């Protein structure tokens, strides 16, 4: 079972990002639904992911955690899906994939928790301010149809999820560029299949 692909998730989690990515690469996979506080913290799963969080994938003997890493791994592992640019043309792809995984997620989560970086400490925080982070993101989604250029990629799965969820739950304030980008990237069969499997996000 060297190539067995197992997806550990909960429908009410960031696992939906990975579900979307798995549906994009369109390969067989097994799903293990874990529950918060019980099976997610059970010894068997902690041996796979010591954080006791989802999502995680196990591909044969390999384990990958963290949504952005899983998206990148699946894009590289299944190149026939064409979800990563050619190796020599990945600057924007890497830049915005990991911008969303780092500064964007940190800024949005901190703001939603009521934490504001003191003005004199903005240079210490990786994102500075939420406003600056969203301005940078807007510049990325405004110039091209997709985050890395003219073609949809794994980076759009991750960035698109962050933006569409942020707009839905009010953690990212509406901007026309965000709305247009989100509508464009989620208008895909793989995204619709994800919602059919996991149900609406609410």
N, C-alpha and C. Protein backbone atom coordinates (compact mmCIF):
# COMPACT_ATOMS: atom_id res chain seq x y z
N UNK A 1 0.83 -1.21 0.00
CA UNK A 1 0.00 0.00 0.00
C UNK A 1 0.87 1.26 0.00
N UNK A 2 2.00 1.19 -0.73
CA UNK A 2 2.95 2.30 -0.70
C UNK A 2 2.31 3.61 -1.10
N UNK A 3 1.38 3.58 -2.05
CA UNK A 3 0.79 4.80 -2.57
C UNK A 3 -0.57 5.13 -1.96
N UNK A 4 -0.97 4.41 -0.92
CA UNK A 4 -2.25 4.70 -0.30
C UNK A 4 -2.27 6.13 0.22
N UNK A 5 -3.32 6.84 -0.07
CA UNK A 5 -3.46 8.24 0.34
C UNK A 5 -4.62 8.34 1.31
N UNK A 6 -4.30 8.75 2.55
CA UNK A 6 -5.31 8.85 3.60
C UNK A 6 -5.40 10.30 4.04
N UNK A 7 -6.61 10.79 4.14
CA UNK A 7 -6.90 12.19 4.48
C UNK A 7 -7.62 12.21 5.82
N UNK A 8 -7.00 12.86 6.81
CA UNK A 8 -7.57 13.00 8.15
C UNK A 8 -8.15 14.40 8.26
N UNK A 9 -9.43 14.49 8.64
CA UNK A 9 -10.09 15.79 8.58
C UNK A 9 -11.30 15.83 9.50
N UNK A 10 -11.90 16.99 9.54
CA UNK A 10 -13.22 17.21 10.11
C UNK A 10 -13.89 18.23 9.18
N UNK A 11 -15.15 18.01 8.80
CA UNK A 11 -15.77 18.93 7.85
C UNK A 11 -15.81 20.38 8.31
N UNK A 12 -15.76 20.62 9.62
CA UNK A 12 -15.78 21.99 10.13
C UNK A 12 -14.35 22.39 10.52
N UNK A 13 -13.47 22.36 9.55
CA UNK A 13 -12.07 22.67 9.81
C UNK A 13 -11.40 23.14 8.53
N UNK A 14 -10.12 23.50 8.66
CA UNK A 14 -9.32 23.84 7.49
C UNK A 14 -9.14 22.64 6.57
N UNK A 15 -9.54 21.48 7.03
CA UNK A 15 -9.48 20.31 6.17
C UNK A 15 -10.22 20.48 4.87
N UNK A 16 -11.18 21.38 4.83
CA UNK A 16 -11.92 21.63 3.59
C UNK A 16 -10.99 22.15 2.50
N UNK A 17 -9.95 22.86 2.88
CA UNK A 17 -8.97 23.32 1.88
C UNK A 17 -8.32 22.11 1.22
N UNK A 18 -7.91 21.16 2.04
CA UNK A 18 -7.24 19.97 1.52
C UNK A 18 -8.21 19.10 0.73
N UNK A 19 -9.45 19.01 1.19
CA UNK A 19 -10.46 18.27 0.42
C UNK A 19 -10.57 18.87 -0.99
N UNK A 20 -10.64 20.19 -1.06
CA UNK A 20 -10.72 20.84 -2.37
C UNK A 20 -9.50 20.47 -3.21
N UNK A 21 -8.31 20.52 -2.60
CA UNK A 21 -7.09 20.19 -3.33
C UNK A 21 -7.10 18.73 -3.79
N UNK A 22 -7.54 17.84 -2.94
CA UNK A 22 -7.63 16.43 -3.33
C UNK A 22 -8.60 16.24 -4.49
N UNK A 23 -9.69 16.97 -4.46
CA UNK A 23 -10.64 16.87 -5.56
C UNK A 23 -10.06 17.47 -6.85
N UNK A 24 -9.21 18.47 -6.71
CA UNK A 24 -8.55 19.03 -7.90
C UNK A 24 -7.58 18.03 -8.53
N UNK A 25 -6.79 17.33 -7.71
CA UNK A 25 -5.83 16.38 -8.29
C UNK A 25 -6.54 15.12 -8.77
N UNK A 26 -7.74 14.86 -8.22
CA UNK A 26 -8.61 13.80 -8.72
C UNK A 26 -7.93 12.43 -8.71
N UNK A 27 -7.43 12.05 -7.54
CA UNK A 27 -6.86 10.71 -7.35
C UNK A 27 -7.62 10.04 -6.21
N UNK A 28 -7.64 8.71 -6.16
CA UNK A 28 -8.34 8.03 -5.08
C UNK A 28 -7.71 8.34 -3.72
N UNK A 29 -8.54 8.53 -2.72
CA UNK A 29 -8.04 8.73 -1.36
C UNK A 29 -9.09 8.24 -0.36
N UNK A 30 -8.60 7.90 0.81
CA UNK A 30 -9.47 7.44 1.89
C UNK A 30 -9.61 8.58 2.89
N UNK A 31 -10.81 8.79 3.39
CA UNK A 31 -11.06 9.85 4.36
C UNK A 31 -11.28 9.26 5.75
N UNK A 32 -10.60 9.83 6.73
CA UNK A 32 -10.81 9.50 8.14
C UNK A 32 -11.33 10.75 8.83
N UNK A 33 -12.59 10.73 9.26
CA UNK A 33 -13.18 11.87 9.96
C UNK A 33 -12.84 11.76 11.44
N UNK A 34 -12.23 12.80 11.98
CA UNK A 34 -11.86 12.85 13.39
C UNK A 34 -12.70 13.90 14.09
N UNK A 35 -12.96 13.67 15.37
CA UNK A 35 -13.76 14.59 16.17
C UNK A 35 -12.87 15.37 17.12
N UNK A 36 -13.23 16.63 17.33
CA UNK A 36 -12.47 17.48 18.24
C UNK A 36 -12.52 16.92 19.66
N UNK A 37 -11.35 16.91 20.31
CA UNK A 37 -11.28 16.55 21.72
C UNK A 37 -11.30 15.06 22.00
N UNK A 38 -11.63 14.23 21.00
CA UNK A 38 -11.68 12.77 21.23
C UNK A 38 -10.71 12.09 20.28
N UNK A 39 -11.19 11.65 19.12
CA UNK A 39 -10.31 10.93 18.20
C UNK A 39 -9.17 11.80 17.68
N UNK A 40 -9.35 13.11 17.68
CA UNK A 40 -8.27 13.99 17.23
C UNK A 40 -7.11 14.01 18.23
N UNK A 41 -7.41 13.66 19.49
CA UNK A 41 -6.39 13.66 20.53
C UNK A 41 -6.05 12.24 21.00
N UNK A 42 -6.54 11.25 20.28
CA UNK A 42 -6.28 9.86 20.65
C UNK A 42 -4.83 9.48 20.32
N UNK A 43 -4.25 8.55 21.07
CA UNK A 43 -2.84 8.18 20.85
C UNK A 43 -2.54 7.77 19.41
N UNK A 44 -3.45 7.04 18.78
CA UNK A 44 -3.19 6.60 17.41
C UNK A 44 -3.00 7.76 16.45
N UNK A 45 -3.83 8.79 16.60
CA UNK A 45 -3.68 9.94 15.70
C UNK A 45 -2.51 10.82 16.12
N UNK A 46 -2.27 10.97 17.41
CA UNK A 46 -1.13 11.76 17.87
C UNK A 46 0.18 11.19 17.37
N UNK A 47 0.23 9.90 17.13
CA UNK A 47 1.43 9.29 16.56
C UNK A 47 1.65 9.73 15.12
N UNK A 48 0.56 10.13 14.45
CA UNK A 48 0.65 10.63 13.07
C UNK A 48 0.88 12.13 13.06
N UNK A 49 0.09 12.86 13.84
CA UNK A 49 0.24 14.31 13.95
C UNK A 49 0.26 14.69 15.43
N UNK A 50 1.44 14.92 16.00
CA UNK A 50 1.54 15.22 17.43
C UNK A 50 0.78 16.47 17.88
N UNK A 51 0.41 17.33 16.92
CA UNK A 51 -0.39 18.51 17.27
C UNK A 51 -1.83 18.14 17.59
N UNK A 52 -2.26 16.97 17.16
CA UNK A 52 -3.64 16.57 17.39
C UNK A 52 -4.64 17.46 16.69
N UNK A 53 -4.27 17.90 15.48
CA UNK A 53 -5.12 18.80 14.71
C UNK A 53 -5.27 18.24 13.30
N UNK A 54 -6.25 18.74 12.60
CA UNK A 54 -6.44 18.39 11.19
C UNK A 54 -6.34 19.67 10.36
N UNK A 55 -6.02 19.51 9.08
CA UNK A 55 -5.89 18.27 8.32
C UNK A 55 -4.48 17.69 8.35
N UNK A 56 -4.43 16.43 7.99
CA UNK A 56 -3.18 15.70 7.76
C UNK A 56 -3.43 14.76 6.60
N UNK A 57 -2.39 14.52 5.82
CA UNK A 57 -2.46 13.43 4.86
C UNK A 57 -1.33 12.45 5.14
N UNK A 58 -1.61 11.19 4.91
CA UNK A 58 -0.58 10.14 4.94
C UNK A 58 -0.54 9.52 3.57
N UNK A 59 0.61 9.59 2.94
CA UNK A 59 0.79 9.07 1.59
C UNK A 59 1.84 7.97 1.66
N UNK A 60 1.38 6.73 1.72
CA UNK A 60 2.31 5.65 1.99
C UNK A 60 2.92 5.85 3.36
N UNK A 61 4.24 5.95 3.41
CA UNK A 61 4.93 6.16 4.68
C UNK A 61 5.11 7.63 5.02
N UNK A 62 4.75 8.52 4.11
CA UNK A 62 4.99 9.95 4.31
C UNK A 62 3.77 10.61 4.94
N UNK A 63 4.03 11.54 5.87
CA UNK A 63 2.98 12.32 6.52
C UNK A 63 3.22 13.79 6.23
N UNK A 64 2.17 14.48 5.83
CA UNK A 64 2.28 15.92 5.59
C UNK A 64 1.15 16.61 6.36
N UNK A 65 1.51 17.65 7.11
CA UNK A 65 0.54 18.48 7.81
C UNK A 65 0.66 19.91 7.29
N UNK A 66 -0.24 20.77 7.72
CA UNK A 66 -0.30 22.19 7.36
C UNK A 66 -0.84 22.34 5.94
N UNK A 67 -1.92 23.08 5.84
CA UNK A 67 -2.67 23.15 4.58
C UNK A 67 -1.83 23.59 3.39
N UNK A 68 -1.04 24.63 3.54
CA UNK A 68 -0.25 25.11 2.42
C UNK A 68 0.77 24.06 1.99
N UNK A 69 1.38 23.39 2.96
CA UNK A 69 2.35 22.34 2.64
C UNK A 69 1.67 21.18 1.92
N UNK A 70 0.48 20.81 2.37
CA UNK A 70 -0.24 19.71 1.72
C UNK A 70 -0.60 20.09 0.29
N UNK A 71 -1.07 21.32 0.09
CA UNK A 71 -1.40 21.76 -1.27
C UNK A 71 -0.18 21.69 -2.17
N UNK A 72 0.95 22.18 -1.70
CA UNK A 72 2.18 22.16 -2.50
C UNK A 72 2.62 20.72 -2.77
N UNK A 73 2.53 19.87 -1.75
CA UNK A 73 2.94 18.47 -1.89
C UNK A 73 2.08 17.76 -2.94
N UNK A 74 0.77 17.94 -2.86
CA UNK A 74 -0.11 17.27 -3.82
C UNK A 74 0.11 17.78 -5.24
N UNK A 75 0.34 19.07 -5.38
CA UNK A 75 0.61 19.62 -6.71
C UNK A 75 1.86 19.02 -7.31
N UNK A 76 2.90 18.83 -6.49
CA UNK A 76 4.15 18.25 -6.98
C UNK A 76 4.04 16.75 -7.20
N UNK A 77 3.28 16.08 -6.36
CA UNK A 77 3.16 14.63 -6.44
C UNK A 77 2.32 14.18 -7.63
N UNK A 78 1.38 15.03 -8.02
CA UNK A 78 0.49 14.71 -9.13
C UNK A 78 0.60 15.78 -10.21
N UNK A 79 1.75 15.86 -10.89
CA UNK A 79 1.97 16.94 -11.85
C UNK A 79 1.00 16.92 -13.02
N UNK A 80 0.39 15.74 -13.27
CA UNK A 80 -0.55 15.66 -14.38
C UNK A 80 -1.78 16.56 -14.16
N UNK A 81 -2.03 16.95 -12.91
CA UNK A 81 -3.15 17.85 -12.62
C UNK A 81 -2.84 19.30 -12.99
N UNK A 82 -1.56 19.58 -13.23
CA UNK A 82 -1.12 20.92 -13.66
C UNK A 82 -1.57 22.00 -12.68
N UNK A 83 -1.28 21.77 -11.39
CA UNK A 83 -1.66 22.72 -10.35
C UNK A 83 -0.48 23.47 -9.76
N UNK A 84 0.67 23.36 -10.42
CA UNK A 84 1.84 24.17 -10.06
C UNK A 84 2.48 24.65 -11.35
N UNK A 85 2.96 25.89 -11.38
CA UNK A 85 3.66 26.37 -12.57
C UNK A 85 4.94 25.58 -12.80
N UNK A 86 5.54 25.69 -13.98
CA UNK A 86 6.85 25.07 -14.19
C UNK A 86 7.84 25.54 -13.13
N UNK A 87 8.80 24.69 -12.82
CA UNK A 87 9.73 24.98 -11.71
C UNK A 87 10.38 26.35 -11.85
N UNK A 88 10.74 26.74 -13.03
CA UNK A 88 11.40 28.02 -13.21
C UNK A 88 10.49 29.23 -13.18
N UNK A 89 9.20 29.00 -12.99
CA UNK A 89 8.24 30.10 -13.03
C UNK A 89 7.35 30.10 -11.79
N UNK A 90 7.95 29.77 -10.64
CA UNK A 90 7.15 29.61 -9.42
C UNK A 90 7.30 30.74 -8.40
N UNK A 91 7.92 31.84 -8.77
CA UNK A 91 8.16 32.90 -7.78
C UNK A 91 6.85 33.39 -7.17
N UNK A 92 5.90 33.80 -8.01
CA UNK A 92 4.63 34.31 -7.49
C UNK A 92 3.84 33.20 -6.78
N UNK A 93 3.89 32.02 -7.33
CA UNK A 93 3.20 30.87 -6.74
C UNK A 93 3.65 30.65 -5.31
N UNK A 94 4.96 30.54 -5.10
CA UNK A 94 5.47 30.36 -3.74
C UNK A 94 5.22 31.60 -2.88
N UNK A 95 5.43 32.74 -3.44
CA UNK A 95 5.30 33.97 -2.66
C UNK A 95 3.91 34.08 -2.03
N UNK A 96 2.86 33.94 -2.85
CA UNK A 96 1.53 34.21 -2.33
C UNK A 96 0.93 33.01 -1.61
N UNK A 97 1.35 31.80 -1.95
CA UNK A 97 0.93 30.64 -1.18
C UNK A 97 1.38 30.76 0.27
N UNK A 98 2.64 31.13 0.46
CA UNK A 98 3.16 31.19 1.83
C UNK A 98 2.88 32.54 2.50
N UNK A 99 2.62 33.57 1.72
CA UNK A 99 2.11 34.81 2.30
C UNK A 99 0.77 34.56 2.97
N UNK A 100 -0.10 33.81 2.28
CA UNK A 100 -1.42 33.51 2.85
C UNK A 100 -1.31 32.61 4.06
N UNK A 101 -0.35 31.67 4.04
CA UNK A 101 -0.18 30.76 5.18
C UNK A 101 0.47 31.43 6.37
N UNK A 102 1.24 32.49 6.13
CA UNK A 102 1.94 33.17 7.22
C UNK A 102 1.28 34.49 7.59
N UNK A 103 1.71 35.61 6.99
CA UNK A 103 1.18 36.92 7.39
C UNK A 103 -0.33 37.03 7.33
N UNK A 104 -0.95 36.55 6.25
CA UNK A 104 -2.40 36.73 6.12
C UNK A 104 -3.15 36.00 7.22
N UNK A 105 -2.89 34.71 7.39
CA UNK A 105 -3.64 33.97 8.40
C UNK A 105 -3.38 34.53 9.79
N UNK A 106 -2.12 34.86 10.10
CA UNK A 106 -1.83 35.41 11.43
C UNK A 106 -2.55 36.72 11.66
N UNK A 107 -2.53 37.60 10.66
CA UNK A 107 -3.17 38.91 10.82
C UNK A 107 -4.67 38.77 11.00
N UNK A 108 -5.30 37.91 10.20
CA UNK A 108 -6.75 37.75 10.27
C UNK A 108 -7.17 37.10 11.58
N UNK A 109 -6.48 36.06 11.99
CA UNK A 109 -6.83 35.37 13.24
C UNK A 109 -6.62 36.29 14.44
N UNK A 110 -5.49 36.98 14.47
CA UNK A 110 -5.26 37.89 15.60
C UNK A 110 -6.34 38.96 15.69
N UNK A 111 -6.71 39.53 14.55
CA UNK A 111 -7.75 40.56 14.57
C UNK A 111 -9.08 39.98 15.04
N UNK A 112 -9.40 38.76 14.60
CA UNK A 112 -10.68 38.17 14.99
C UNK A 112 -10.71 37.85 16.48
N UNK A 113 -9.54 37.67 17.08
CA UNK A 113 -9.44 37.42 18.52
C UNK A 113 -9.34 38.71 19.33
N UNK A 114 -9.35 39.84 18.63
CA UNK A 114 -9.29 41.13 19.32
C UNK A 114 -7.89 41.60 19.64
N UNK A 115 -6.88 40.95 19.07
CA UNK A 115 -5.51 41.35 19.34
C UNK A 115 -5.04 42.34 18.30
N UNK A 116 -4.57 43.48 18.74
CA UNK A 116 -4.03 44.50 17.86
C UNK A 116 -2.57 44.73 18.23
N UNK A 117 -1.69 44.65 17.26
CA UNK A 117 -0.27 44.86 17.52
C UNK A 117 -0.05 46.32 17.89
N UNK A 118 0.57 46.60 19.05
CA UNK A 118 0.86 48.00 19.40
C UNK A 118 1.71 48.66 18.31
N UNK A 119 1.42 49.92 18.05
CA UNK A 119 2.10 50.62 16.97
C UNK A 119 3.60 50.51 17.00
N UNK A 120 4.17 50.59 18.20
CA UNK A 120 5.63 50.56 18.31
C UNK A 120 6.20 49.16 18.12
N UNK A 121 5.31 48.12 18.04
CA UNK A 121 5.77 46.75 17.87
C UNK A 121 5.42 46.17 16.50
N UNK A 122 4.92 47.00 15.61
CA UNK A 122 4.53 46.49 14.30
C UNK A 122 5.70 45.89 13.54
N UNK A 123 6.90 46.40 13.77
CA UNK A 123 8.06 45.83 13.07
C UNK A 123 8.38 44.44 13.59
N UNK A 124 7.91 44.11 14.78
CA UNK A 124 8.17 42.79 15.35
C UNK A 124 7.25 41.73 14.76
N UNK A 125 5.99 42.10 14.54
CA UNK A 125 5.03 41.16 13.97
C UNK A 125 5.35 40.91 12.50
N UNK A 126 5.23 39.66 12.08
CA UNK A 126 5.55 39.32 10.70
C UNK A 126 4.67 40.01 9.68
N UNK A 127 3.48 40.41 10.09
CA UNK A 127 2.55 41.03 9.15
C UNK A 127 2.41 42.53 9.35
N UNK A 128 2.95 43.08 10.40
CA UNK A 128 2.83 44.52 10.65
C UNK A 128 1.45 44.89 11.12
N UNK A 129 0.53 45.14 10.17
CA UNK A 129 -0.86 45.43 10.50
C UNK A 129 -1.77 44.66 9.56
N UNK A 130 -3.00 44.44 9.99
CA UNK A 130 -3.97 43.78 9.13
C UNK A 130 -4.22 44.60 7.88
N UNK A 131 -4.31 45.92 8.02
CA UNK A 131 -4.58 46.77 6.86
C UNK A 131 -3.48 46.63 5.80
N UNK A 132 -2.23 46.65 6.24
CA UNK A 132 -1.12 46.51 5.29
C UNK A 132 -1.15 45.14 4.62
N UNK A 133 -1.48 44.13 5.40
CA UNK A 133 -1.53 42.77 4.87
C UNK A 133 -2.61 42.65 3.80
N UNK A 134 -3.79 43.22 4.06
CA UNK A 134 -4.87 43.14 3.09
C UNK A 134 -4.58 43.99 1.85
N UNK A 135 -3.89 45.11 2.03
CA UNK A 135 -3.49 45.91 0.87
C UNK A 135 -2.55 45.10 -0.04
N UNK A 136 -1.60 44.39 0.59
CA UNK A 136 -0.69 43.56 -0.19
C UNK A 136 -1.44 42.46 -0.91
N UNK A 137 -2.38 41.84 -0.21
CA UNK A 137 -3.17 40.78 -0.82
C UNK A 137 -3.98 41.32 -2.00
N UNK A 138 -4.55 42.50 -1.83
CA UNK A 138 -5.33 43.09 -2.91
C UNK A 138 -4.46 43.30 -4.15
N UNK A 139 -3.23 43.72 -3.95
CA UNK A 139 -2.34 43.91 -5.10
C UNK A 139 -2.09 42.60 -5.83
N UNK A 140 -2.09 41.49 -5.08
CA UNK A 140 -1.82 40.18 -5.68
C UNK A 140 -2.99 39.66 -6.49
N UNK A 141 -4.21 39.93 -6.05
CA UNK A 141 -5.37 39.36 -6.73
C UNK A 141 -5.95 40.30 -7.79
N UNK A 142 -5.37 41.48 -7.93
CA UNK A 142 -5.93 42.46 -8.86
C UNK A 142 -5.29 42.44 -10.24
N UNK A 143 -4.06 41.96 -10.33
CA UNK A 143 -3.33 42.11 -11.59
C UNK A 143 -3.55 41.02 -12.61
N UNK A 144 -3.92 39.81 -12.16
CA UNK A 144 -4.06 38.67 -13.05
C UNK A 144 -5.31 37.89 -12.67
N UNK A 145 -5.76 37.01 -13.55
CA UNK A 145 -6.94 36.21 -13.20
C UNK A 145 -6.71 35.34 -11.96
N UNK A 146 -5.47 34.82 -11.81
CA UNK A 146 -5.15 33.94 -10.70
C UNK A 146 -3.92 34.44 -9.98
N UNK A 147 -3.67 33.89 -8.81
CA UNK A 147 -2.66 34.46 -7.91
C UNK A 147 -1.25 34.41 -8.51
N UNK A 148 -0.99 33.39 -9.35
CA UNK A 148 0.35 33.28 -9.92
C UNK A 148 0.39 33.64 -11.40
N UNK A 149 -0.71 34.17 -11.92
CA UNK A 149 -0.72 34.56 -13.32
C UNK A 149 -2.01 34.22 -14.03
N UNK A 150 -1.89 33.60 -15.19
CA UNK A 150 -3.05 33.33 -16.03
C UNK A 150 -3.69 31.98 -15.76
N UNK A 151 -3.04 31.15 -14.95
CA UNK A 151 -3.50 29.77 -14.78
C UNK A 151 -3.81 29.46 -13.32
N UNK A 152 -4.90 28.79 -13.07
CA UNK A 152 -5.27 28.34 -11.73
C UNK A 152 -4.22 27.37 -11.21
N UNK A 153 -3.90 27.49 -9.90
CA UNK A 153 -2.89 26.63 -9.30
C UNK A 153 -3.28 26.28 -7.86
N UNK A 154 -2.46 25.44 -7.25
CA UNK A 154 -2.67 25.08 -5.85
C UNK A 154 -2.67 26.31 -4.96
N UNK A 155 -1.93 27.33 -5.34
CA UNK A 155 -1.92 28.56 -4.53
C UNK A 155 -3.30 29.20 -4.51
N UNK A 156 -4.06 29.05 -5.58
CA UNK A 156 -5.42 29.61 -5.60
C UNK A 156 -6.36 28.82 -4.71
N UNK A 157 -6.12 27.52 -4.56
CA UNK A 157 -6.91 26.74 -3.61
C UNK A 157 -6.74 27.32 -2.21
N UNK A 158 -5.49 27.57 -1.84
CA UNK A 158 -5.23 28.06 -0.47
C UNK A 158 -5.64 29.52 -0.30
N UNK A 159 -5.17 30.38 -1.19
CA UNK A 159 -5.51 31.80 -1.07
C UNK A 159 -7.01 32.01 -1.26
N UNK A 160 -7.58 31.31 -2.22
CA UNK A 160 -9.02 31.44 -2.45
C UNK A 160 -9.84 31.02 -1.25
N UNK A 161 -9.41 29.95 -0.58
CA UNK A 161 -10.10 29.52 0.64
C UNK A 161 -10.02 30.59 1.72
N UNK A 162 -8.83 31.15 1.91
CA UNK A 162 -8.67 32.17 2.94
C UNK A 162 -9.57 33.38 2.67
N UNK A 163 -9.60 33.81 1.42
CA UNK A 163 -10.39 34.99 1.10
C UNK A 163 -11.89 34.69 1.17
N UNK A 164 -12.32 33.59 0.57
CA UNK A 164 -13.76 33.31 0.55
C UNK A 164 -14.30 33.07 1.95
N UNK A 165 -13.54 32.38 2.81
CA UNK A 165 -13.99 32.19 4.18
C UNK A 165 -13.99 33.50 4.94
N UNK A 166 -12.94 34.30 4.72
CA UNK A 166 -12.87 35.59 5.41
C UNK A 166 -14.04 36.48 5.06
N UNK A 167 -14.41 36.50 3.79
CA UNK A 167 -15.57 37.29 3.37
C UNK A 167 -16.86 36.73 3.96
N UNK A 168 -16.98 35.40 3.97
CA UNK A 168 -18.20 34.78 4.47
C UNK A 168 -18.41 35.06 5.95
N UNK A 169 -17.33 34.99 6.73
CA UNK A 169 -17.46 35.11 8.18
C UNK A 169 -17.09 36.50 8.70
N UNK A 170 -16.80 37.42 7.80
CA UNK A 170 -16.56 38.80 8.20
C UNK A 170 -15.20 39.08 8.79
N UNK A 171 -14.26 38.16 8.66
CA UNK A 171 -12.92 38.41 9.19
C UNK A 171 -12.05 39.14 8.17
N UNK A 172 -12.50 39.17 6.92
CA UNK A 172 -11.88 39.99 5.89
C UNK A 172 -12.96 40.91 5.35
N UNK A 173 -12.71 42.21 5.42
CA UNK A 173 -13.71 43.16 4.95
C UNK A 173 -13.81 43.13 3.44
N UNK A 174 -15.04 43.31 2.97
CA UNK A 174 -15.32 43.22 1.55
C UNK A 174 -14.56 44.28 0.76
N UNK A 175 -13.92 43.82 -0.29
CA UNK A 175 -13.34 44.70 -1.31
C UNK A 175 -13.74 44.09 -2.65
N UNK A 176 -13.97 44.93 -3.63
CA UNK A 176 -14.40 44.42 -4.93
C UNK A 176 -13.42 43.39 -5.48
N UNK A 177 -12.13 43.66 -5.32
CA UNK A 177 -11.12 42.75 -5.87
C UNK A 177 -11.18 41.39 -5.19
N UNK A 178 -11.43 41.38 -3.89
CA UNK A 178 -11.54 40.11 -3.17
C UNK A 178 -12.78 39.34 -3.62
N UNK A 179 -13.89 40.04 -3.76
CA UNK A 179 -15.12 39.39 -4.18
C UNK A 179 -14.97 38.77 -5.57
N UNK A 180 -14.39 39.51 -6.49
CA UNK A 180 -14.24 39.01 -7.85
C UNK A 180 -13.29 37.82 -7.90
N UNK A 181 -12.19 37.92 -7.18
CA UNK A 181 -11.23 36.82 -7.17
C UNK A 181 -11.86 35.57 -6.56
N UNK A 182 -12.54 35.73 -5.43
CA UNK A 182 -13.14 34.58 -4.77
C UNK A 182 -14.16 33.90 -5.68
N UNK A 183 -15.02 34.68 -6.33
CA UNK A 183 -16.01 34.09 -7.23
C UNK A 183 -15.33 33.33 -8.36
N UNK A 184 -14.24 33.88 -8.86
CA UNK A 184 -13.55 33.25 -9.98
C UNK A 184 -12.93 31.91 -9.57
N UNK A 185 -12.26 31.87 -8.43
CA UNK A 185 -11.52 30.64 -8.10
C UNK A 185 -12.41 29.53 -7.57
N UNK A 186 -13.55 29.87 -6.97
CA UNK A 186 -14.40 28.79 -6.46
C UNK A 186 -15.39 28.27 -7.51
N UNK A 187 -15.38 28.87 -8.69
CA UNK A 187 -16.26 28.42 -9.75
C UNK A 187 -15.62 27.23 -10.47
N UNK A 188 -15.49 26.13 -9.71
CA UNK A 188 -14.81 24.95 -10.21
C UNK A 188 -15.54 23.69 -9.74
N UNK A 189 -15.50 22.68 -10.59
CA UNK A 189 -16.18 21.44 -10.23
C UNK A 189 -15.61 20.84 -8.95
N UNK A 190 -14.30 20.92 -8.77
CA UNK A 190 -13.68 20.34 -7.57
C UNK A 190 -14.17 21.04 -6.31
N UNK A 191 -14.37 22.34 -6.38
CA UNK A 191 -14.89 23.07 -5.23
C UNK A 191 -16.32 22.64 -4.93
N UNK A 192 -17.11 22.48 -5.98
CA UNK A 192 -18.50 22.05 -5.78
C UNK A 192 -18.56 20.63 -5.21
N UNK A 193 -17.66 19.76 -5.67
CA UNK A 193 -17.62 18.41 -5.11
C UNK A 193 -17.26 18.45 -3.63
N UNK A 194 -16.36 19.33 -3.26
CA UNK A 194 -15.97 19.47 -1.86
C UNK A 194 -17.18 19.82 -1.00
N UNK A 195 -17.98 20.77 -1.44
CA UNK A 195 -19.18 21.14 -0.69
C UNK A 195 -20.22 20.03 -0.68
N UNK A 196 -20.30 19.26 -1.77
CA UNK A 196 -21.21 18.13 -1.79
C UNK A 196 -20.80 17.09 -0.75
N UNK A 197 -19.50 16.88 -0.59
CA UNK A 197 -19.00 15.87 0.35
C UNK A 197 -19.09 16.35 1.80
N UNK A 198 -18.59 17.54 2.05
CA UNK A 198 -18.47 18.04 3.42
C UNK A 198 -19.66 18.87 3.88
N UNK A 199 -20.54 19.23 2.97
CA UNK A 199 -21.67 20.05 3.34
C UNK A 199 -21.30 21.52 3.36
N UNK A 200 -22.28 22.40 3.50
CA UNK A 200 -21.99 23.84 3.51
C UNK A 200 -21.17 24.23 4.72
N UNK A 201 -20.30 25.21 4.54
CA UNK A 201 -19.50 25.74 5.64
C UNK A 201 -20.32 26.80 6.36
N UNK A 202 -20.60 26.56 7.65
CA UNK A 202 -21.42 27.54 8.38
C UNK A 202 -20.94 27.63 9.81
